[in-house]
PDB file of all heavy atoms in Angstrom:
ATOM      1  N   SER A   1     -49.950  71.114  15.262  1.00  0.00           N
ATOM      2  CA  SER A   1     -50.592  71.615  14.049  1.00  0.00           C
ATOM      3  C   SER A   1     -51.778  70.780  13.694  1.00  0.00           C
ATOM      4  O   SER A   1     -51.776  69.508  13.950  1.00  0.00           O
ATOM      5  CB  SER A   1     -49.599  71.703  12.908  1.00  0.00           C
ATOM      6  OG  SER A   1     -50.175  71.937  11.665  1.00  0.00           O
ATOM      7  N   CYS A   2     -52.722  71.358  12.978  1.00  0.00           N
ATOM      8  CA  CYS A   2     -53.816  70.548  12.418  1.00  0.00           C
ATOM      9  C   CYS A   2     -53.361  69.636  11.341  1.00  0.00           C
ATOM     10  O   CYS A   2     -54.051  68.724  10.909  1.00  0.00           O
ATOM     11  CB  CYS A   2     -54.924  71.512  11.874  1.00  0.00           C
ATOM     12  SG  CYS A   2     -54.377  72.500  10.434  1.00  0.00           S
ATOM     13  N   THR A   3     -52.158  69.831  10.812  1.00  0.00           N
ATOM     14  CA  THR A   3     -51.629  68.951   9.739  1.00  0.00           C
ATOM     15  C   THR A   3     -51.449  67.501  10.237  1.00  0.00           C
ATOM     16  O   THR A   3     -51.365  66.639   9.487  1.00  0.00           O
ATOM     17  CB  THR A   3     -50.297  69.438   9.269  1.00  0.00           C
ATOM     18  OG1 THR A   3     -49.302  69.514  10.292  1.00  0.00           O
ATOM     19  CG2 THR A   3     -50.437  70.791   8.571  1.00  0.00           C
ATOM     20  N   VAL A   4     -51.467  67.298  11.569  1.00  0.00           N
ATOM     21  CA  VAL A   4     -51.393  65.929  12.081  1.00  0.00           C
ATOM     22  C   VAL A   4     -52.524  65.099  11.662  1.00  0.00           C
ATOM     23  O   VAL A   4     -52.486  63.887  11.649  1.00  0.00           O
ATOM     24  CB  VAL A   4     -51.250  65.929  13.654  1.00  0.00           C
ATOM     25  CG1 VAL A   4     -49.961  66.634  14.077  1.00  0.00           C
ATOM     26  CG2 VAL A   4     -52.453  66.425  14.323  1.00  0.00           C
ATOM     27  N   TYR A   5     -53.702  65.760  11.333  1.00  0.00           N
ATOM     28  CA  TYR A   5     -54.884  65.013  10.948  1.00  0.00           C
ATOM     29  C   TYR A   5     -54.901  64.628   9.486  1.00  0.00           C
ATOM     30  O   TYR A   5     -55.745  63.893   9.053  1.00  0.00           O
ATOM     31  CB  TYR A   5     -56.117  65.865  11.242  1.00  0.00           C
ATOM     32  CG  TYR A   5     -56.342  66.165  12.726  1.00  0.00           C
ATOM     33  CD1 TYR A   5     -56.295  67.504  13.184  1.00  0.00           C
ATOM     34  CD2 TYR A   5     -56.566  65.111  13.625  1.00  0.00           C
ATOM     35  CE1 TYR A   5     -56.472  67.684  14.602  1.00  0.00           C
ATOM     36  CE2 TYR A   5     -56.822  65.385  15.008  1.00  0.00           C
ATOM     37  CZ  TYR A   5     -56.728  66.690  15.421  1.00  0.00           C
ATOM     38  OH  TYR A   5     -56.938  66.932  16.761  1.00  0.00           O
ATOM     39  N   GLY A   6     -53.936  65.091   8.713  1.00  0.00           N
ATOM     40  CA  GLY A   6     -53.927  64.840   7.265  1.00  0.00           C
ATOM     41  C   GLY A   6     -55.136  65.424   6.568  1.00  0.00           C
ATOM     42  O   GLY A   6     -55.577  66.496   6.904  1.00  0.00           O
ATOM     43  N   ASN A   7     -55.733  64.675   5.681  1.00  0.00           N
ATOM     44  CA  ASN A   7     -56.997  65.009   5.053  1.00  0.00           C
ATOM     45  C   ASN A   7     -58.093  64.359   5.857  1.00  0.00           C
ATOM     46  O   ASN A   7     -58.413  63.143   5.628  1.00  0.00           O
ATOM     47  CB  ASN A   7     -57.037  64.594   3.618  1.00  0.00           C
ATOM     48  CG  ASN A   7     -56.838  65.714   2.636  1.00  0.00           C
ATOM     49  OD1 ASN A   7     -57.351  66.793   2.767  1.00  0.00           O
ATOM     50  ND2 ASN A   7     -55.948  65.511   1.661  1.00  0.00           N
ATOM     51  N   PRO A   8     -58.717  65.017   6.841  1.00  0.00           N
ATOM     52  CA  PRO A   8     -59.647  64.373   7.716  1.00  0.00           C
ATOM     53  C   PRO A   8     -60.920  63.939   6.993  1.00  0.00           C
ATOM     54  O   PRO A   8     -61.412  64.591   6.003  1.00  0.00           O
ATOM     55  CB  PRO A   8     -59.946  65.410   8.760  1.00  0.00           C
ATOM     56  CG  PRO A   8     -59.736  66.737   8.081  1.00  0.00           C
ATOM     57  CD  PRO A   8     -58.579  66.461   7.112  1.00  0.00           C
ATOM     58  N   SER A   9     -61.531  62.834   7.448  1.00  0.00           N
ATOM     59  CA  SER A   9     -62.738  62.344   6.796  1.00  0.00           C
ATOM     60  C   SER A   9     -63.998  63.034   7.302  1.00  0.00           C
ATOM     61  O   SER A   9     -65.072  62.992   6.643  1.00  0.00           O
ATOM     62  CB  SER A   9     -62.884  60.830   7.050  1.00  0.00           C
ATOM     63  OG  SER A   9     -62.867  60.523   8.452  1.00  0.00           O
ATOM     64  N   THR A  10     -63.909  63.638   8.488  1.00  0.00           N
ATOM     65  CA  THR A  10     -65.073  64.303   9.086  1.00  0.00           C
ATOM     66  C   THR A  10     -64.722  65.680   9.518  1.00  0.00           C
ATOM     67  O   THR A  10     -63.679  65.938  10.125  1.00  0.00           O
ATOM     68  CB  THR A  10     -65.607  63.532  10.252  1.00  0.00           C
ATOM     69  OG1 THR A  10     -66.001  62.180   9.821  1.00  0.00           O
ATOM     70  CG2 THR A  10     -66.873  64.153  10.888  1.00  0.00           C
ATOM     71  N   LEU A  11     -65.589  66.665   9.259  1.00  0.00           N
ATOM     72  CA  LEU A  11     -65.412  68.088   9.651  1.00  0.00           C
ATOM     73  C   LEU A  11     -66.600  68.557  10.467  1.00  0.00           C
ATOM     74  O   LEU A  11     -67.734  68.133  10.167  1.00  0.00           O
ATOM     75  CB  LEU A  11     -65.187  68.955   8.389  1.00  0.00           C
ATOM     76  CG  LEU A  11     -63.905  68.739   7.547  1.00  0.00           C
ATOM     77  CD1 LEU A  11     -63.962  69.579   6.283  1.00  0.00           C
ATOM     78  CD2 LEU A  11     -62.696  69.047   8.410  1.00  0.00           C
ATOM     79  N   PRO A  12     -66.382  69.460  11.443  1.00  0.00           N
ATOM     80  CA  PRO A  12     -65.126  69.922  11.925  1.00  0.00           C
ATOM     81  C   PRO A  12     -64.330  68.880  12.617  1.00  0.00           C
ATOM     82  O   PRO A  12     -64.884  67.889  13.174  1.00  0.00           O
ATOM     83  CB  PRO A  12     -65.495  71.117  12.817  1.00  0.00           C
ATOM     84  CG  PRO A  12     -66.858  70.720  13.341  1.00  0.00           C
ATOM     85  CD  PRO A  12     -67.511  70.034  12.167  1.00  0.00           C
ATOM     86  N   VAL A  13     -63.064  69.045  12.789  1.00  0.00           N
ATOM     87  CA  VAL A  13     -62.142  68.053  13.400  1.00  0.00           C
ATOM     88  C   VAL A  13     -62.155  68.165  14.882  1.00  0.00           C
ATOM     89  O   VAL A  13     -61.993  69.208  15.447  1.00  0.00           O
ATOM     90  CB  VAL A  13     -60.650  68.236  12.882  1.00  0.00           C
ATOM     91  CG1 VAL A  13     -59.776  67.205  13.484  1.00  0.00           C
ATOM     92  CG2 VAL A  13     -60.623  68.127  11.332  1.00  0.00           C
ATOM     93  N   THR A  14     -62.328  67.010  15.521  1.00  0.00           N
ATOM     94  CA  THR A  14     -62.199  66.894  16.991  1.00  0.00           C
ATOM     95  C   THR A  14     -60.894  66.293  17.365  1.00  0.00           C
ATOM     96  O   THR A  14     -60.239  65.719  16.506  1.00  0.00           O
ATOM     97  CB  THR A  14     -63.315  66.071  17.582  1.00  0.00           C
ATOM     98  OG1 THR A  14     -63.162  64.676  17.213  1.00  0.00           O
ATOM     99  CG2 THR A  14     -64.710  66.540  17.119  1.00  0.00           C
ATOM    100  N   GLU A  15     -60.546  66.359  18.629  1.00  0.00           N
ATOM    101  CA  GLU A  15     -59.239  65.749  19.074  1.00  0.00           C
ATOM    102  C   GLU A  15     -59.261  64.258  18.968  1.00  0.00           C
ATOM    103  O   GLU A  15     -58.193  63.660  19.004  1.00  0.00           O
ATOM    104  CB  GLU A  15     -58.964  66.189  20.558  1.00  0.00           C
ATOM    105  CG  GLU A  15     -58.723  67.643  20.743  1.00  0.00           C
ATOM    106  CD  GLU A  15     -59.938  68.536  20.783  1.00  0.00           C
ATOM    107  OE1 GLU A  15     -61.029  68.037  20.648  1.00  0.00           O
ATOM    108  OE2 GLU A  15     -59.748  69.776  20.990  1.00  0.00           O
ATOM    109  N   GLU A  16     -60.410  63.629  18.844  1.00  0.00           N
ATOM    110  CA  GLU A  16     -60.515  62.191  18.757  1.00  0.00           C
ATOM    111  C   GLU A  16     -60.284  61.740  17.350  1.00  0.00           C
ATOM    112  O   GLU A  16     -60.238  60.494  17.103  1.00  0.00           O
ATOM    113  CB  GLU A  16     -61.843  61.647  19.249  1.00  0.00           C
ATOM    114  CG  GLU A  16     -61.982  61.730  20.795  1.00  0.00           C
ATOM    115  CD  GLU A  16     -62.079  63.162  21.307  1.00  0.00           C
ATOM    116  OE1 GLU A  16     -62.760  63.996  20.657  1.00  0.00           O
ATOM    117  OE2 GLU A  16     -61.479  63.493  22.371  1.00  0.00           O
ATOM    118  N   ALA A  17     -60.219  62.587  16.393  1.00  0.00           N
ATOM    119  CA  ALA A  17     -60.001  62.232  14.941  1.00  0.00           C
ATOM    120  C   ALA A  17     -58.724  61.500  14.821  1.00  0.00           C
ATOM    121  O   ALA A  17     -57.660  61.897  15.410  1.00  0.00           O
ATOM    122  CB  ALA A  17     -60.102  63.404  14.080  1.00  0.00           C
ATOM    123  N   PRO A  18     -58.662  60.409  14.069  1.00  0.00           N
ATOM    124  CA  PRO A  18     -57.436  59.696  13.891  1.00  0.00           C
ATOM    125  C   PRO A  18     -56.470  60.442  12.999  1.00  0.00           C
ATOM    126  O   PRO A  18     -56.865  61.271  12.140  1.00  0.00           O
ATOM    127  CB  PRO A  18     -57.844  58.405  13.137  1.00  0.00           C
ATOM    128  CG  PRO A  18     -59.092  58.795  12.426  1.00  0.00           C
ATOM    129  CD  PRO A  18     -59.775  59.814  13.303  1.00  0.00           C
ATOM    130  N   PHE A  19     -55.159  60.251  13.205  1.00  0.00           N
ATOM    131  CA  PHE A  19     -54.160  60.823  12.398  1.00  0.00           C
ATOM    132  C   PHE A  19     -54.163  60.072  11.060  1.00  0.00           C
ATOM    133  O   PHE A  19     -53.959  58.885  11.002  1.00  0.00           O
ATOM    134  CB  PHE A  19     -52.735  60.686  12.979  1.00  0.00           C
ATOM    135  CG  PHE A  19     -52.442  61.597  14.112  1.00  0.00           C
ATOM    136  CD1 PHE A  19     -53.515  62.396  14.725  1.00  0.00           C
ATOM    137  CD2 PHE A  19     -51.214  61.731  14.689  1.00  0.00           C
ATOM    138  CE1 PHE A  19     -53.210  63.213  15.778  1.00  0.00           C
ATOM    139  CE2 PHE A  19     -50.971  62.532  15.792  1.00  0.00           C
ATOM    140  CZ  PHE A  19     -51.949  63.297  16.307  1.00  0.00           C
ATOM    141  N   MET A  20     -54.470  60.821  10.019  1.00  0.00           N
ATOM    142  CA  MET A  20     -54.438  60.281   8.623  1.00  0.00           C
ATOM    143  C   MET A  20     -53.003  60.491   8.068  1.00  0.00           C
ATOM    144  O   MET A  20     -52.217  61.205   8.613  1.00  0.00           O
ATOM    145  CB  MET A  20     -55.506  60.945   7.779  1.00  0.00           C
ATOM    146  CG  MET A  20     -56.878  60.819   8.290  1.00  0.00           C
ATOM    147  SD  MET A  20     -57.492  59.123   8.390  1.00  0.00           S
ATOM    148  CE  MET A  20     -57.792  58.849   6.635  1.00  0.00           C
ATOM    149  N   PRO A  21     -52.625  59.797   6.972  1.00  0.00           N
ATOM    150  CA  PRO A  21     -51.311  60.015   6.384  1.00  0.00           C
ATOM    151  C   PRO A  21     -51.047  61.462   6.210  1.00  0.00           C
ATOM    152  O   PRO A  21     -51.895  62.280   5.682  1.00  0.00           O
ATOM    153  CB  PRO A  21     -51.392  59.277   5.045  1.00  0.00           C
ATOM    154  CG  PRO A  21     -52.373  58.172   5.304  1.00  0.00           C
ATOM    155  CD  PRO A  21     -53.420  58.787   6.232  1.00  0.00           C
ATOM    156  N   ALA A  22     -49.882  61.965   6.653  1.00  0.00           N
ATOM    157  CA  ALA A  22     -49.565  63.379   6.544  1.00  0.00           C
ATOM    158  C   ALA A  22     -49.419  63.782   5.107  1.00  0.00           C
ATOM    159  O   ALA A  22     -48.979  63.016   4.222  1.00  0.00           O
ATOM    160  CB  ALA A  22     -48.204  63.616   7.263  1.00  0.00           C
ATOM    161  N   GLU A  23     -49.844  65.010   4.758  1.00  0.00           N
ATOM    162  CA  GLU A  23     -49.800  65.485   3.364  1.00  0.00           C
ATOM    163  C   GLU A  23     -48.480  66.086   3.045  1.00  0.00           C
ATOM    164  O   GLU A  23     -48.234  66.501   1.878  1.00  0.00           O
ATOM    165  CB  GLU A  23     -50.918  66.502   3.174  1.00  0.00           C
ATOM    166  CG  GLU A  23     -52.321  65.928   3.164  1.00  0.00           C
ATOM    167  CD  GLU A  23     -52.567  64.950   2.027  1.00  0.00           C
ATOM    168  OE1 GLU A  23     -52.419  65.374   0.870  1.00  0.00           O
ATOM    169  OE2 GLU A  23     -52.905  63.764   2.279  1.00  0.00           O
ATOM    170  N   SER A  24     -47.538  66.250   4.028  1.00  0.00           N
ATOM    171  CA  SER A  24     -46.254  66.841   3.803  1.00  0.00           C
ATOM    172  C   SER A  24     -45.243  66.338   4.835  1.00  0.00           C
ATOM    173  O   SER A  24     -45.670  65.920   5.937  1.00  0.00           O
ATOM    174  CB  SER A  24     -46.352  68.371   3.890  1.00  0.00           C
ATOM    175  OG  SER A  24     -46.638  68.762   5.232  1.00  0.00           O
ATOM    176  N   PRO A  25     -43.965  66.428   4.585  1.00  0.00           N
ATOM    177  CA  PRO A  25     -42.992  66.127   5.595  1.00  0.00           C
ATOM    178  C   PRO A  25     -43.146  66.989   6.839  1.00  0.00           C
ATOM    179  O   PRO A  25     -42.911  66.532   7.950  1.00  0.00           O
ATOM    180  CB  PRO A  25     -41.653  66.345   4.872  1.00  0.00           C
ATOM    181  CG  PRO A  25     -41.931  66.129   3.466  1.00  0.00           C
ATOM    182  CD  PRO A  25     -43.339  66.641   3.237  1.00  0.00           C
ATOM    183  N   TYR A  26     -43.479  68.243   6.645  1.00  0.00           N
ATOM    184  CA  TYR A  26     -43.792  69.129   7.816  1.00  0.00           C
ATOM    185  C   TYR A  26     -44.823  68.478   8.712  1.00  0.00           C
ATOM    186  O   TYR A  26     -44.642  68.352   9.971  1.00  0.00           O
ATOM    187  CB  TYR A  26     -44.225  70.482   7.386  1.00  0.00           C
ATOM    188  CG  TYR A  26     -44.888  71.271   8.472  1.00  0.00           C
ATOM    189  CD1 TYR A  26     -44.136  71.824   9.476  1.00  0.00           C
ATOM    190  CD2 TYR A  26     -46.243  71.500   8.479  1.00  0.00           C
ATOM    191  CE1 TYR A  26     -44.739  72.564  10.519  1.00  0.00           C
ATOM    192  CE2 TYR A  26     -46.872  72.180   9.482  1.00  0.00           C
ATOM    193  CZ  TYR A  26     -46.130  72.743  10.551  1.00  0.00           C
ATOM    194  OH  TYR A  26     -46.728  73.466  11.477  1.00  0.00           O
ATOM    195  N   GLY A  27     -45.934  68.077   8.199  1.00  0.00           N
ATOM    196  CA  GLY A  27     -47.019  67.466   8.914  1.00  0.00           C
ATOM    197  C   GLY A  27     -46.562  66.184   9.611  1.00  0.00           C
ATOM    198  O   GLY A  27     -46.912  65.867  10.691  1.00  0.00           O
ATOM    199  N   ARG A  28     -45.717  65.397   8.883  1.00  0.00           N
ATOM    200  CA  ARG A  28     -45.228  64.218   9.447  1.00  0.00           C
ATOM    201  C   ARG A  28     -44.295  64.395  10.615  1.00  0.00           C
ATOM    202  O   ARG A  28     -44.353  63.643  11.669  1.00  0.00           O
ATOM    203  CB  ARG A  28     -44.441  63.349   8.383  1.00  0.00           C
ATOM    204  CG  ARG A  28     -44.129  61.920   8.817  1.00  0.00           C
ATOM    205  CD  ARG A  28     -43.684  61.108   7.634  1.00  0.00           C
ATOM    206  NE  ARG A  28     -44.765  60.899   6.678  1.00  0.00           N
ATOM    207  CZ  ARG A  28     -44.771  61.465   5.414  1.00  0.00           C
ATOM    208  NH1 ARG A  28     -43.790  62.188   4.996  1.00  0.00           N
ATOM    209  NH2 ARG A  28     -45.785  61.240   4.617  1.00  0.00           N
ATOM    210  N   THR A  29     -43.535  65.499  10.634  1.00  0.00           N
ATOM    211  CA  THR A  29     -42.685  65.772  11.794  1.00  0.00           C
ATOM    212  C   THR A  29     -43.512  66.136  13.018  1.00  0.00           C
ATOM    213  O   THR A  29     -43.170  65.792  14.134  1.00  0.00           O
ATOM    214  CB  THR A  29     -41.700  66.914  11.524  1.00  0.00           C
ATOM    215  OG1 THR A  29     -42.366  68.187  11.331  1.00  0.00           O
ATOM    216  CG2 THR A  29     -40.848  66.701  10.297  1.00  0.00           C
ATOM    217  N   LYS A  30     -44.667  66.814  12.772  1.00  0.00           N
ATOM    218  CA  LYS A  30     -45.570  67.062  13.899  1.00  0.00           C
ATOM    219  C   LYS A  30     -46.157  65.811  14.486  1.00  0.00           C
ATOM    220  O   LYS A  30     -46.254  65.682  15.708  1.00  0.00           O
ATOM    221  CB  LYS A  30     -46.662  68.026  13.422  1.00  0.00           C
ATOM    222  CG  LYS A  30     -46.179  69.456  13.127  1.00  0.00           C
ATOM    223  CD  LYS A  30     -45.619  70.215  14.307  1.00  0.00           C
ATOM    224  CE  LYS A  30     -45.320  71.630  13.935  1.00  0.00           C
ATOM    225  NZ  LYS A  30     -44.754  72.361  15.104  1.00  0.00           N
ATOM    226  N   GLN A  31     -46.581  64.886  13.574  1.00  0.00           N
ATOM    227  CA  GLN A  31     -47.001  63.562  14.107  1.00  0.00           C
ATOM    228  C   GLN A  31     -45.963  62.873  14.924  1.00  0.00           C
ATOM    229  O   GLN A  31     -46.266  62.336  16.022  1.00  0.00           O
ATOM    230  CB  GLN A  31     -47.490  62.729  12.908  1.00  0.00           C
ATOM    231  CG  GLN A  31     -48.720  63.247  12.176  1.00  0.00           C
ATOM    232  CD  GLN A  31     -49.095  62.433  10.986  1.00  0.00           C
ATOM    233  OE1 GLN A  31     -48.184  61.706  10.427  1.00  0.00           O
ATOM    234  NE2 GLN A  31     -50.347  62.450  10.560  1.00  0.00           N
ATOM    235  N   ILE A  32     -44.753  62.857  14.430  1.00  0.00           N
ATOM    236  CA  ILE A  32     -43.689  62.141  15.141  1.00  0.00           C
ATOM    237  C   ILE A  32     -43.403  62.825  16.468  1.00  0.00           C
ATOM    238  O   ILE A  32     -43.160  62.098  17.515  1.00  0.00           O
ATOM    239  CB  ILE A  32     -42.421  62.040  14.260  1.00  0.00           C
ATOM    240  CG1 ILE A  32     -42.734  61.197  12.999  1.00  0.00           C
ATOM    241  CG2 ILE A  32     -41.266  61.409  15.062  1.00  0.00           C
ATOM    242  CD1 ILE A  32     -41.566  61.326  11.959  1.00  0.00           C
TER     243      ILE A  32
END
């Protein structure tokens, strides 16, 4: 999911964008 990127600092998001803190437990599970 795109939720792995959290609130990205740059748009549009590329695959090289760092994972930011997840905005929800759902997003965190995708990161894990």
